[in-house]
PDB file of all heavy atoms in Angstrom:
ATOM      1  N   THR A   1      38.786   3.510 -16.403  1.00  0.00           N
ATOM      2  CA  THR A   1      40.148   4.110 -16.408  1.00  0.00           C
ATOM      3  C   THR A   1      41.115   3.163 -17.120  1.00  0.00           C
ATOM      4  O   THR A   1      42.190   3.558 -17.587  1.00  0.00           O
ATOM      5  CB  THR A   1      40.748   4.262 -14.918  1.00  0.00           C
ATOM      6  OG1 THR A   1      40.739   2.991 -14.313  1.00  0.00           O
ATOM      7  CG2 THR A   1      39.799   5.181 -14.205  1.00  0.00           C
ATOM      8  N   GLY A   2      40.698   1.932 -17.295  1.00  0.00           N
ATOM      9  CA  GLY A   2      41.667   0.991 -17.885  1.00  0.00           C
ATOM     10  C   GLY A   2      42.789   0.469 -17.078  1.00  0.00           C
ATOM     11  O   GLY A   2      43.695  -0.235 -17.467  1.00  0.00           O
ATOM     12  N   MET A   3      42.647   0.798 -15.694  1.00  0.00           N
ATOM     13  CA  MET A   3      43.605   0.262 -14.718  1.00  0.00           C
ATOM     14  C   MET A   3      43.414  -1.256 -14.487  1.00  0.00           C
ATOM     15  O   MET A   3      42.237  -1.752 -14.610  1.00  0.00           O
ATOM     16  CB  MET A   3      43.554   1.080 -13.450  1.00  0.00           C
ATOM     17  CG  MET A   3      44.066   2.538 -13.536  1.00  0.00           C
ATOM     18  SD  MET A   3      44.163   3.216 -11.979  1.00  0.00           S
ATOM     19  CE  MET A   3      42.338   3.274 -11.483  1.00  0.00           C
ATOM     20  N   GLY A   4      44.470  -1.798 -13.935  1.00  0.00           N
ATOM     21  CA  GLY A   4      44.229  -3.184 -13.403  1.00  0.00           C
ATOM     22  C   GLY A   4      43.380  -3.187 -12.181  1.00  0.00           C
ATOM     23  O   GLY A   4      43.369  -2.268 -11.391  1.00  0.00           O
ATOM     24  N   ARG A   5      42.781  -4.359 -11.837  1.00  0.00           N
ATOM     25  CA  ARG A   5      41.914  -4.330 -10.652  1.00  0.00           C
ATOM     26  C   ARG A   5      42.643  -4.123  -9.354  1.00  0.00           C
ATOM     27  O   ARG A   5      42.104  -3.387  -8.510  1.00  0.00           O
ATOM     28  CB  ARG A   5      41.239  -5.766 -10.595  1.00  0.00           C
ATOM     29  CG  ARG A   5      39.966  -5.731  -9.900  1.00  0.00           C
ATOM     30  CD  ARG A   5      39.215  -7.113 -10.011  1.00  0.00           C
ATOM     31  NE  ARG A   5      37.927  -7.103  -9.339  1.00  0.00           N
ATOM     32  CZ  ARG A   5      36.829  -6.578  -9.843  1.00  0.00           C
ATOM     33  NH1 ARG A   5      36.862  -5.963 -11.069  1.00  0.00           N
ATOM     34  NH2 ARG A   5      35.648  -6.597  -9.161  1.00  0.00           N
ATOM     35  N   SER A   6      43.737  -4.684  -9.180  1.00  0.00           N
ATOM     36  CA  SER A   6      44.560  -4.470  -7.945  1.00  0.00           C
ATOM     37  C   SER A   6      45.034  -3.027  -7.827  1.00  0.00           C
ATOM     38  O   SER A   6      45.087  -2.411  -6.745  1.00  0.00           O
ATOM     39  CB  SER A   6      45.774  -5.500  -7.968  1.00  0.00           C
ATOM     40  OG  SER A   6      46.681  -5.148  -9.078  1.00  0.00           O
ATOM     41  N   THR A   7      45.400  -2.373  -9.014  1.00  0.00           N
ATOM     42  CA  THR A   7      45.764  -0.992  -8.948  1.00  0.00           C
ATOM     43  C   THR A   7      44.575  -0.118  -8.528  1.00  0.00           C
ATOM     44  O   THR A   7      44.723   0.812  -7.666  1.00  0.00           O
ATOM     45  CB  THR A   7      46.292  -0.538 -10.234  1.00  0.00           C
ATOM     46  OG1 THR A   7      47.388  -1.355 -10.641  1.00  0.00           O
ATOM     47  CG2 THR A   7      46.810   0.911 -10.242  1.00  0.00           C
ATOM     48  N   ALA A   8      43.493  -0.357  -9.105  1.00  0.00           N
ATOM     49  CA  ALA A   8      42.253   0.405  -8.801  1.00  0.00           C
ATOM     50  C   ALA A   8      41.855   0.206  -7.286  1.00  0.00           C
ATOM     51  O   ALA A   8      41.541   1.229  -6.644  1.00  0.00           O
ATOM     52  CB  ALA A   8      41.109  -0.052  -9.678  1.00  0.00           C
ATOM     53  N   ARG A   9      41.951  -0.957  -6.724  1.00  0.00           N
ATOM     54  CA  ARG A   9      41.704  -1.283  -5.357  1.00  0.00           C
ATOM     55  C   ARG A   9      42.653  -0.503  -4.442  1.00  0.00           C
ATOM     56  O   ARG A   9      42.252   0.082  -3.441  1.00  0.00           O
ATOM     57  CB  ARG A   9      41.794  -2.670  -4.972  1.00  0.00           C
ATOM     58  CG  ARG A   9      41.328  -3.069  -3.615  1.00  0.00           C
ATOM     59  CD  ARG A   9      41.573  -4.539  -3.289  1.00  0.00           C
ATOM     60  NE  ARG A   9      40.706  -5.410  -4.166  1.00  0.00           N
ATOM     61  CZ  ARG A   9      41.095  -6.101  -5.169  1.00  0.00           C
ATOM     62  NH1 ARG A   9      42.448  -6.123  -5.482  1.00  0.00           N
ATOM     63  NH2 ARG A   9      40.243  -6.842  -5.806  1.00  0.00           N
ATOM     64  N   ARG A  10      43.925  -0.450  -4.834  1.00  0.00           N
ATOM     65  CA  ARG A  10      44.819   0.324  -4.046  1.00  0.00           C
ATOM     66  C   ARG A  10      44.650   1.737  -4.010  1.00  0.00           C
ATOM     67  O   ARG A  10      44.827   2.415  -3.041  1.00  0.00           O
ATOM     68  CB  ARG A  10      46.397  -0.010  -4.569  1.00  0.00           C
ATOM     69  CG  ARG A  10      47.459   0.568  -3.734  1.00  0.00           C
ATOM     70  CD  ARG A  10      48.928   0.060  -4.181  1.00  0.00           C
ATOM     71  NE  ARG A  10      49.144   0.361  -5.592  1.00  0.00           N
ATOM     72  CZ  ARG A  10      49.228  -0.489  -6.593  1.00  0.00           C
ATOM     73  NH1 ARG A  10      48.861  -1.805  -6.409  1.00  0.00           N
ATOM     74  NH2 ARG A  10      49.428  -0.093  -7.841  1.00  0.00           N
ATOM     75  N   MET A  11      44.201   2.335  -5.073  1.00  0.00           N
ATOM     76  CA  MET A  11      43.955   3.800  -5.154  1.00  0.00           C
ATOM     77  C   MET A  11      42.715   4.076  -4.513  1.00  0.00           C
ATOM     78  O   MET A  11      42.619   5.256  -3.962  1.00  0.00           O
ATOM     79  CB  MET A  11      43.898   4.259  -6.685  1.00  0.00           C
ATOM     80  CG  MET A  11      45.276   4.136  -7.415  1.00  0.00           C
ATOM     81  SD  MET A  11      45.201   4.810  -9.064  1.00  0.00           S
ATOM     82  CE  MET A  11      45.091   6.618  -8.783  1.00  0.00           C
ATOM     83  N   LEU A  12      41.846   3.206  -4.437  1.00  0.00           N
ATOM     84  CA  LEU A  12      40.601   3.443  -3.699  1.00  0.00           C
ATOM     85  C   LEU A  12      40.774   3.312  -2.148  1.00  0.00           C
ATOM     86  O   LEU A  12      39.952   3.995  -1.378  1.00  0.00           O
ATOM     87  CB  LEU A  12      39.389   2.567  -4.232  1.00  0.00           C
ATOM     88  CG  LEU A  12      38.778   2.879  -5.547  1.00  0.00           C
ATOM     89  CD1 LEU A  12      38.081   1.735  -6.093  1.00  0.00           C
ATOM     90  CD2 LEU A  12      38.080   4.112  -5.525  1.00  0.00           C
ATOM     91  N   THR A  13      41.517   2.531  -1.749  1.00  0.00           N
ATOM     92  CA  THR A  13      41.785   2.272  -0.339  1.00  0.00           C
ATOM     93  C   THR A  13      42.945   2.939   0.273  1.00  0.00           C
ATOM     94  O   THR A  13      43.011   3.153   1.521  1.00  0.00           O
ATOM     95  CB  THR A  13      41.923   0.826   0.015  1.00  0.00           C
ATOM     96  OG1 THR A  13      42.982   0.289  -0.726  1.00  0.00           O
ATOM     97  CG2 THR A  13      40.685  -0.016  -0.538  1.00  0.00           C
ATOM     98  N   GLY A  14      43.776   3.507  -0.472  1.00  0.00           N
ATOM     99  CA  GLY A  14      45.054   4.122   0.026  1.00  0.00           C
ATOM    100  C   GLY A  14      44.713   5.639   0.392  1.00  0.00           C
ATOM    101  O   GLY A  14      43.648   6.088   0.366  1.00  0.00           O
ATOM    102  N   ALA A  15      45.786   6.275   0.682  1.00  0.00           N
ATOM    103  CA  ALA A  15      45.683   7.678   1.040  1.00  0.00           C
ATOM    104  C   ALA A  15      45.172   8.594  -0.140  1.00  0.00           C
ATOM    105  O   ALA A  15      45.513   8.155  -1.314  1.00  0.00           O
ATOM    106  CB  ALA A  15      46.999   8.258   1.520  1.00  0.00           C
ATOM    107  N   ARG A  16      44.416   9.402   0.084  1.00  0.00           N
ATOM    108  CA  ARG A  16      43.836  10.300  -0.964  1.00  0.00           C
ATOM    109  C   ARG A  16      45.015  11.172  -1.656  1.00  0.00           C
ATOM    110  O   ARG A  16      45.783  11.820  -0.993  1.00  0.00           O
ATOM    111  CB  ARG A  16      42.829  11.319  -0.386  1.00  0.00           C
ATOM    112  CG  ARG A  16      42.145  12.077  -1.474  1.00  0.00           C
ATOM    113  CD  ARG A  16      41.186  13.064  -0.853  1.00  0.00           C
ATOM    114  NE  ARG A  16      40.399  13.841  -1.958  1.00  0.00           N
ATOM    115  CZ  ARG A  16      40.783  14.829  -2.626  1.00  0.00           C
ATOM    116  NH1 ARG A  16      42.024  15.291  -2.363  1.00  0.00           N
ATOM    117  NH2 ARG A  16      40.023  15.426  -3.527  1.00  0.00           N
ATOM    118  N   LEU A  17      45.068  10.967  -2.964  1.00  0.00           N
ATOM    119  CA  LEU A  17      46.048  11.654  -3.783  1.00  0.00           C
ATOM    120  C   LEU A  17      45.499  13.008  -4.118  1.00  0.00           C
ATOM    121  O   LEU A  17      44.272  13.183  -4.413  1.00  0.00           O
ATOM    122  CB  LEU A  17      46.351  10.945  -5.035  1.00  0.00           C
ATOM    123  CG  LEU A  17      46.989   9.587  -4.799  1.00  0.00           C
ATOM    124  CD1 LEU A  17      47.218   8.867  -6.148  1.00  0.00           C
ATOM    125  CD2 LEU A  17      48.404   9.730  -4.063  1.00  0.00           C
ATOM    126  N   PRO A  18      46.308  14.143  -4.059  1.00  0.00           N
ATOM    127  CA  PRO A  18      45.740  15.457  -4.470  1.00  0.00           C
ATOM    128  C   PRO A  18      45.284  15.480  -5.913  1.00  0.00           C
ATOM    129  O   PRO A  18      45.882  14.890  -6.754  1.00  0.00           O
ATOM    130  CB  PRO A  18      46.961  16.375  -4.153  1.00  0.00           C
ATOM    131  CG  PRO A  18      48.180  15.419  -4.291  1.00  0.00           C
ATOM    132  CD  PRO A  18      47.695  14.180  -3.749  1.00  0.00           C
ATOM    133  N   ASP A  19      44.235  16.282  -6.175  1.00  0.00           N
ATOM    134  CA  ASP A  19      43.965  16.411  -7.524  1.00  0.00           C
ATOM    135  C   ASP A  19      45.021  17.177  -8.273  1.00  0.00           C
ATOM    136  O   ASP A  19      45.726  17.989  -7.711  1.00  0.00           O
ATOM    137  CB  ASP A  19      42.650  17.364  -7.656  1.00  0.00           C
ATOM    138  CG  ASP A  19      41.372  16.465  -7.090  1.00  0.00           C
ATOM    139  OD1 ASP A  19      41.414  15.276  -7.360  1.00  0.00           O
ATOM    140  OD2 ASP A  19      40.404  17.134  -6.603  1.00  0.00           O
ATOM    141  N   PRO A  20      45.103  17.053  -9.716  1.00  0.00           N
ATOM    142  CA  PRO A  20      46.207  17.548 -10.407  1.00  0.00           C
ATOM    143  C   PRO A  20      46.215  19.139 -10.252  1.00  0.00           C
ATOM    144  O   PRO A  20      47.310  19.745 -10.178  1.00  0.00           O
ATOM    145  CB  PRO A  20      45.892  17.161 -11.857  1.00  0.00           C
ATOM    146  CG  PRO A  20      45.229  15.938 -11.714  1.00  0.00           C
ATOM    147  CD  PRO A  20      44.351  16.015 -10.478  1.00  0.00           C
ATOM    148  N   ALA A  21      45.088  19.758 -10.190  1.00  0.00           N
ATOM    149  CA  ALA A  21      45.042  21.227 -10.083  1.00  0.00           C
ATOM    150  C   ALA A  21      45.513  21.676  -8.647  1.00  0.00           C
ATOM    151  O   ALA A  21      46.027  22.890  -8.565  1.00  0.00           O
ATOM    152  CB  ALA A  21      43.557  21.709 -10.223  1.00  0.00           C
ATOM    153  N   ASP A  22      45.502  20.821  -7.750  1.00  0.00           N
ATOM    154  CA  ASP A  22      45.904  21.224  -6.400  1.00  0.00           C
ATOM    155  C   ASP A  22      47.325  20.751  -6.067  1.00  0.00           C
ATOM    156  O   ASP A  22      47.901  21.137  -5.031  1.00  0.00           O
ATOM    157  CB  ASP A  22      44.892  20.649  -5.275  1.00  0.00           C
ATOM    158  CG  ASP A  22      43.551  21.199  -5.499  1.00  0.00           C
ATOM    159  OD1 ASP A  22      43.417  22.350  -5.993  1.00  0.00           O
ATOM    160  OD2 ASP A  22      42.603  20.435  -5.207  1.00  0.00           O
ATOM    161  N   GLN A  23      47.956  19.977  -6.871  1.00  0.00           N
ATOM    162  CA  GLN A  23      49.152  19.286  -6.598  1.00  0.00           C
ATOM    163  C   GLN A  23      50.217  20.313  -6.723  1.00  0.00           C
ATOM    164  O   GLN A  23      50.400  21.090  -7.688  1.00  0.00           O
ATOM    165  CB  GLN A  23      49.425  18.168  -7.476  1.00  0.00           C
ATOM    166  CG  GLN A  23      50.694  17.335  -7.148  1.00  0.00           C
ATOM    167  CD  GLN A  23      50.924  16.115  -7.993  1.00  0.00           C
ATOM    168  OE1 GLN A  23      50.268  16.002  -8.973  1.00  0.00           O
ATOM    169  NE2 GLN A  23      51.824  15.274  -7.641  1.00  0.00           N
ATOM    170  N   VAL A  24      51.287  20.272  -5.812  1.00  0.00           N
ATOM    171  CA  VAL A  24      52.408  21.119  -5.774  1.00  0.00           C
ATOM    172  C   VAL A  24      53.603  20.113  -5.983  1.00  0.00           C
ATOM    173  O   VAL A  24      53.824  19.281  -5.197  1.00  0.00           O
ATOM    174  CB  VAL A  24      52.585  21.920  -4.588  1.00  0.00           C
ATOM    175  CG1 VAL A  24      53.880  22.677  -4.534  1.00  0.00           C
ATOM    176  CG2 VAL A  24      51.348  22.890  -4.410  1.00  0.00           C
ATOM    177  N   ASP A  25      54.447  20.407  -6.950  1.00  0.00           N
ATOM    178  CA  ASP A  25      55.642  19.570  -7.169  1.00  0.00           C
ATOM    179  C   ASP A  25      56.573  19.754  -5.917  1.00  0.00           C
ATOM    180  O   ASP A  25      57.184  20.888  -5.801  1.00  0.00           O
ATOM    181  CB  ASP A  25      56.291  19.887  -8.483  1.00  0.00           C
ATOM    182  CG  ASP A  25      57.268  18.898  -8.886  1.00  0.00           C
ATOM    183  OD1 ASP A  25      57.678  18.034  -8.113  1.00  0.00           O
ATOM    184  OD2 ASP A  25      57.738  19.017 -10.084  1.00  0.00           O
ATOM    185  N   GLY A  26      56.756  18.762  -5.212  1.00  0.00           N
ATOM    186  CA  GLY A  26      57.574  18.873  -4.022  1.00  0.00           C
ATOM    187  C   GLY A  26      59.127  18.506  -4.312  1.00  0.00           C
ATOM    188  O   GLY A  26      59.935  18.541  -3.372  1.00  0.00           O
ATOM    189  N   ARG A  27      59.305  18.136  -5.576  1.00  0.00           N
ATOM    190  CA  ARG A  27      60.742  17.767  -5.799  1.00  0.00           C
ATOM    191  C   ARG A  27      61.634  19.005  -5.869  1.00  0.00           C
ATOM    192  O   ARG A  27      61.207  20.104  -6.139  1.00  0.00           O
ATOM    193  CB  ARG A  27      60.773  17.063  -7.220  1.00  0.00           C
ATOM    194  CG  ARG A  27      60.124  15.783  -7.333  1.00  0.00           C
ATOM    195  CD  ARG A  27      60.151  15.260  -8.739  1.00  0.00           C
ATOM    196  NE  ARG A  27      59.393  16.177  -9.718  1.00  0.00           N
ATOM    197  CZ  ARG A  27      59.349  16.029 -11.000  1.00  0.00           C
ATOM    198  NH1 ARG A  27      59.937  14.935 -11.551  1.00  0.00           N
ATOM    199  NH2 ARG A  27      58.700  16.937 -11.760  1.00  0.00           N
ATOM    200  N   THR A  28      62.905  18.697  -5.389  1.00  0.00           N
ATOM    201  CA  THR A  28      63.800  19.858  -5.381  1.00  0.00           C
ATOM    202  C   THR A  28      64.991  19.451  -6.433  1.00  0.00           C
ATOM    203  O   THR A  28      65.393  18.396  -6.535  1.00  0.00           O
ATOM    204  CB  THR A  28      64.512  19.825  -3.897  1.00  0.00           C
ATOM    205  OG1 THR A  28      65.155  18.559  -3.662  1.00  0.00           O
ATOM    206  CG2 THR A  28      63.538  20.208  -2.901  1.00  0.00           C
ATOM    207  N   LEU A  29      65.110  20.565  -7.141  1.00  0.00           N
ATOM    208  CA  LEU A  29      66.159  20.446  -8.191  1.00  0.00           C
ATOM    209  C   LEU A  29      67.554  20.374  -7.538  1.00  0.00           C
ATOM    210  O   LEU A  29      67.812  21.077  -6.635  1.00  0.00           O
ATOM    211  CB  LEU A  29      66.071  21.577  -9.215  1.00  0.00           C
ATOM    212  CG  LEU A  29      64.858  21.653 -10.000  1.00  0.00           C
ATOM    213  CD1 LEU A  29      64.893  22.864 -10.890  1.00  0.00           C
ATOM    214  CD2 LEU A  29      64.578  20.383 -10.839  1.00  0.00           C
ATOM    215  N   ARG A  30      68.466  19.430  -8.195  1.00  0.00           N
ATOM    216  CA  ARG A  30      69.740  19.379  -7.704  1.00  0.00           C
ATOM    217  C   ARG A  30      70.420  20.779  -8.040  1.00  0.00           C
ATOM    218  O   ARG A  30      70.339  21.332  -9.069  1.00  0.00           O
ATOM    219  CB  ARG A  30      70.505  18.326  -8.394  1.00  0.00           C
ATOM    220  CG  ARG A  30      72.006  18.147  -7.851  1.00  0.00           C
ATOM    221  CD  ARG A  30      72.644  16.992  -8.423  1.00  0.00           C
ATOM    222  NE  ARG A  30      72.825  17.132  -9.895  1.00  0.00           N
ATOM    223  CZ  ARG A  30      73.401  16.294 -10.704  1.00  0.00           C
ATOM    224  NH1 ARG A  30      73.798  15.111 -10.246  1.00  0.00           N
ATOM    225  NH2 ARG A  30      73.504  16.507 -11.971  1.00  0.00           N
ATOM    226  N   PRO A  31      71.134  21.368  -6.977  1.00  0.00           N
ATOM    227  CA  PRO A  31      71.853  22.678  -7.229  1.00  0.00           C
ATOM    228  C   PRO A  31      72.872  22.439  -8.386  1.00  0.00           C
ATOM    229  O   PRO A  31      73.555  21.546  -8.447  1.00  0.00           O
ATOM    230  CB  PRO A  31      72.400  23.029  -5.942  1.00  0.00           C
ATOM    231  CG  PRO A  31      72.509  21.802  -5.199  1.00  0.00           C
ATOM    232  CD  PRO A  31      71.386  20.897  -5.720  1.00  0.00           C
ATOM    233  N   ARG A  32      72.938  23.534  -9.176  1.00  0.00           N
ATOM    234  CA  ARG A  32      73.937  23.556 -10.201  1.00  0.00           C
ATOM    235  C   ARG A  32      75.442  23.558  -9.635  1.00  0.00           C
ATOM    236  O   ARG A  32      75.729  24.347  -8.685  1.00  0.00           O
ATOM    237  CB  ARG A  32      73.801  24.728 -11.188  1.00  0.00           C
ATOM    238  CG  ARG A  32      72.431  24.643 -11.949  1.00  0.00           C
ATOM    239  CD  ARG A  32      72.270  25.898 -12.819  1.00  0.00           C
ATOM    240  NE  ARG A  32      73.336  25.893 -13.894  1.00  0.00           N
ATOM    241  CZ  ARG A  32      73.350  26.795 -14.819  1.00  0.00           C
ATOM    242  NH1 ARG A  32      72.514  27.786 -14.833  1.00  0.00           N
ATOM    243  NH2 ARG A  32      74.327  26.842 -15.696  1.00  0.00           N
ATOM    244  N   GLY A  33      76.314  22.756 -10.080  1.00  0.00           N
ATOM    245  CA  GLY A  33      77.594  22.620  -9.649  1.00  0.00           C
ATOM    246  C   GLY A  33      78.454  23.796  -9.912  1.00  0.00           C
ATOM    247  O   GLY A  33      79.367  24.175  -9.275  1.00  0.00           O
ATOM    248  N   PHE A  34      78.181  24.516 -11.126  1.00  0.00           N
ATOM    249  CA  PHE A  34      78.947  25.539 -11.594  1.00  0.00           C
ATOM    250  C   PHE A  34      78.155  26.725 -12.080  1.00  0.00           C
ATOM    251  O   PHE A  34      77.091  26.594 -12.660  1.00  0.00           O
ATOM    252  CB  PHE A  34      79.974  25.048 -12.677  1.00  0.00           C
ATOM    253  CG  PHE A  34      80.741  23.938 -12.363  1.00  0.00           C
ATOM    254  CD1 PHE A  34      80.490  22.623 -12.628  1.00  0.00           C
ATOM    255  CD2 PHE A  34      81.961  24.127 -11.527  1.00  0.00           C
ATOM    256  CE1 PHE A  34      81.245  21.577 -12.249  1.00  0.00           C
ATOM    257  CE2 PHE A  34      82.698  23.129 -11.201  1.00  0.00           C
ATOM    258  CZ  PHE A  34      82.364  21.862 -11.507  1.00  0.00           C
ATOM    259  N   SER A  35      78.588  27.932 -11.761  1.00  0.00           N
ATOM    260  CA  SER A  35      77.778  29.084 -12.042  1.00  0.00           C
ATOM    261  C   SER A  35      77.778  29.461 -13.635  1.00  0.00           C
ATOM    262  O   SER A  35      78.633  28.927 -14.336  1.00  0.00           O
ATOM    263  CB  SER A  35      78.468  30.282 -11.286  1.00  0.00           C
ATOM    264  OG  SER A  35      79.683  30.579 -11.769  1.00  0.00           O
ATOM    265  N   ASP A  36      76.943  30.363 -13.987  1.00  0.00           N
ATOM    266  CA  ASP A  36      76.953  30.820 -15.321  1.00  0.00           C
ATOM    267  C   ASP A  36      78.245  31.566 -15.778  1.00  0.00           C
ATOM    268  O   ASP A  36      78.795  31.359 -16.930  1.00  0.00           O
ATOM    269  CB  ASP A  36      75.752  31.759 -15.523  1.00  0.00           C
ATOM    270  CG  ASP A  36      74.374  31.118 -15.533  1.00  0.00           C
ATOM    271  OD1 ASP A  36      74.344  29.877 -15.745  1.00  0.00           O
ATOM    272  OD2 ASP A  36      73.376  31.767 -15.283  1.00  0.00           O
ATOM    273  N   ASP A  37      78.854  32.215 -14.836  1.00  0.00           N
ATOM    274  CA  ASP A  37      80.045  32.879 -15.035  1.00  0.00           C
ATOM    275  C   ASP A  37      81.178  31.832 -15.322  1.00  0.00           C
ATOM    276  O   ASP A  37      82.081  32.060 -16.302  1.00  0.00           O
ATOM    277  CB  ASP A  37      80.503  33.691 -13.829  1.00  0.00           C
ATOM    278  CG  ASP A  37      79.773  35.010 -13.768  1.00  0.00           C
ATOM    279  OD1 ASP A  37      79.103  35.411 -14.847  1.00  0.00           O
ATOM    280  OD2 ASP A  37      79.751  35.675 -12.683  1.00  0.00           O
ATOM    281  N   ALA A  38      81.123  30.741 -14.628  1.00  0.00           N
ATOM    282  CA  ALA A  38      82.157  29.670 -14.774  1.00  0.00           C
ATOM    283  C   ALA A  38      82.037  29.058 -16.173  1.00  0.00           C
ATOM    284  O   ALA A  38      82.980  28.759 -16.925  1.00  0.00           O
ATOM    285  CB  ALA A  38      82.111  28.656 -13.693  1.00  0.00           C
ATOM    286  N   ARG A  39      80.743  28.860 -16.634  1.00  0.00           N
ATOM    287  CA  ARG A  39      80.488  28.278 -17.950  1.00  0.00           C
ATOM    288  C   ARG A  39      80.876  29.208 -19.019  1.00  0.00           C
ATOM    289  O   ARG A  39      81.502  28.741 -20.115  1.00  0.00           O
ATOM    290  CB  ARG A  39      79.013  27.843 -18.012  1.00  0.00           C
ATOM    291  CG  ARG A  39      78.640  26.896 -16.982  1.00  0.00           C
ATOM    292  CD  ARG A  39      77.223  26.386 -17.125  1.00  0.00           C
ATOM    293  NE  ARG A  39      76.905  25.628 -18.291  1.00  0.00           N
ATOM    294  CZ  ARG A  39      75.769  24.949 -18.545  1.00  0.00           C
ATOM    295  NH1 ARG A  39      74.934  24.968 -17.487  1.00  0.00           N
ATOM    296  NH2 ARG A  39      75.554  24.288 -19.659  1.00  0.00           N
ATOM    297  N   ALA A  40      80.638  30.533 -18.864  1.00  0.00           N
ATOM    298  CA  ALA A  40      81.013  31.480 -19.878  1.00  0.00           C
ATOM    299  C   ALA A  40      82.612  31.490 -19.897  1.00  0.00           C
ATOM    300  O   ALA A  40      83.179  31.616 -20.999  1.00  0.00           O
ATOM    301  CB  ALA A  40      80.497  32.779 -19.468  1.00  0.00           C
ATOM    302  N   LEU A  41      83.189  31.411 -18.767  1.00  0.00           N
ATOM    303  CA  LEU A  41      84.694  31.492 -18.745  1.00  0.00           C
ATOM    304  C   LEU A  41      85.236  30.261 -19.453  1.00  0.00           C
ATOM    305  O   LEU A  41      86.297  30.340 -20.113  1.00  0.00           O
ATOM    306  CB  LEU A  41      85.174  31.583 -17.350  1.00  0.00           C
ATOM    307  CG  LEU A  41      86.686  31.479 -17.104  1.00  0.00           C
ATOM    308  CD1 LEU A  41      87.422  32.693 -17.754  1.00  0.00           C
ATOM    309  CD2 LEU A  41      87.031  31.521 -15.630  1.00  0.00           C
ATOM    310  N   LEU A  42      84.595  29.113 -19.188  1.00  0.00           N
ATOM    311  CA  LEU A  42      85.110  27.873 -19.879  1.00  0.00           C
ATOM    312  C   LEU A  42      85.056  28.031 -21.400  1.00  0.00           C
ATOM    313  O   LEU A  42      86.061  27.720 -22.076  1.00  0.00           O
ATOM    314  CB  LEU A  42      84.116  26.746 -19.496  1.00  0.00           C
ATOM    315  CG  LEU A  42      84.256  25.468 -20.238  1.00  0.00           C
ATOM    316  CD1 LEU A  42      85.614  24.813 -19.983  1.00  0.00           C
ATOM    317  CD2 LEU A  42      83.241  24.431 -19.811  1.00  0.00           C
ATOM    318  N   GLU A  43      84.009  28.552 -21.957  1.00  0.00           N
ATOM    319  CA  GLU A  43      83.855  28.721 -23.411  1.00  0.00           C
ATOM    320  C   GLU A  43      84.922  29.712 -23.848  1.00  0.00           C
ATOM    321  O   GLU A  43      85.510  29.485 -25.016  1.00  0.00           O
ATOM    322  CB  GLU A  43      82.519  29.177 -23.818  1.00  0.00           C
ATOM    323  CG  GLU A  43      81.503  28.106 -23.589  1.00  0.00           C
ATOM    324  CD  GLU A  43      80.069  28.384 -24.187  1.00  0.00           C
ATOM    325  OE1 GLU A  43      80.056  29.272 -25.042  1.00  0.00           O
ATOM    326  OE2 GLU A  43      79.053  27.838 -23.813  1.00  0.00           O
ATOM    327  N   HIS A  44      85.158  30.757 -23.086  1.00  0.00           N
ATOM    328  CA  HIS A  44      86.175  31.701 -23.529  1.00  0.00           C
ATOM    329  C   HIS A  44      87.549  31.079 -23.459  1.00  0.00           C
ATOM    330  O   HIS A  44      88.309  31.280 -24.456  1.00  0.00           O
ATOM    331  CB  HIS A  44      86.177  32.876 -22.586  1.00  0.00           C
ATOM    332  CG  HIS A  44      87.150  33.944 -22.819  1.00  0.00           C
ATOM    333  ND1 HIS A  44      87.063  34.791 -23.919  1.00  0.00           N
ATOM    334  CD2 HIS A  44      88.214  34.404 -21.996  1.00  0.00           C
ATOM    335  CE1 HIS A  44      88.084  35.621 -23.839  1.00  0.00           C
ATOM    336  NE2 HIS A  44      88.861  35.348 -22.651  1.00  0.00           N
ATOM    337  N   VAL A  45      87.869  30.477 -22.416  1.00  0.00           N
ATOM    338  CA  VAL A  45      89.193  29.819 -22.370  1.00  0.00           C
ATOM    339  C   VAL A  45      89.376  28.695 -23.419  1.00  0.00           C
ATOM    340  O   VAL A  45      90.429  28.632 -24.001  1.00  0.00           O
ATOM    341  CB  VAL A  45      89.479  29.244 -20.989  1.00  0.00           C
ATOM    342  CG1 VAL A  45      90.716  28.353 -20.890  1.00  0.00           C
ATOM    343  CG2 VAL A  45      89.499  30.385 -19.915  1.00  0.00           C
ATOM    344  N   TRP A  46      88.329  27.868 -23.669  1.00  0.00           N
ATOM    345  CA  TRP A  46      88.355  26.905 -24.660  1.00  0.00           C
ATOM    346  C   TRP A  46      88.622  27.441 -26.077  1.00  0.00           C
ATOM    347  O   TRP A  46      89.430  26.855 -26.725  1.00  0.00           O
ATOM    348  CB  TRP A  46      87.050  26.135 -24.662  1.00  0.00           C
ATOM    349  CG  TRP A  46      86.778  25.134 -25.657  1.00  0.00           C
ATOM    350  CD1 TRP A  46      87.357  23.941 -25.767  1.00  0.00           C
ATOM    351  CD2 TRP A  46      85.925  25.066 -26.812  1.00  0.00           C
ATOM    352  NE1 TRP A  46      86.960  23.142 -26.801  1.00  0.00           N
ATOM    353  CE2 TRP A  46      86.026  23.888 -27.433  1.00  0.00           C
ATOM    354  CE3 TRP A  46      84.968  26.001 -27.279  1.00  0.00           C
ATOM    355  CZ2 TRP A  46      85.292  23.593 -28.591  1.00  0.00           C
ATOM    356  CZ3 TRP A  46      84.220  25.778 -28.361  1.00  0.00           C
ATOM    357  CH2 TRP A  46      84.334  24.546 -28.889  1.00  0.00           C
ATOM    358  N   ALA A  47      88.057  28.564 -26.353  1.00  0.00           N
ATOM    359  CA  ALA A  47      88.341  29.146 -27.671  1.00  0.00           C
ATOM    360  C   ALA A  47      89.773  29.688 -27.808  1.00  0.00           C
ATOM    361  O   ALA A  47      90.422  29.498 -28.795  1.00  0.00           O
ATOM    362  CB  ALA A  47      87.359  30.352 -27.865  1.00  0.00           C
TER     363      ALA A  47
END
């Protein structure tokens, strides 16, 4: 793998990481602060 020895040891002894095919992105996107209507209105008023 080209990993360092300590990194390889940590991955072998730590909790099992899910395989890429099974992994689900658990991150949550920050909600948009302003709606599409507000952004369209902004461009209209700006013009």
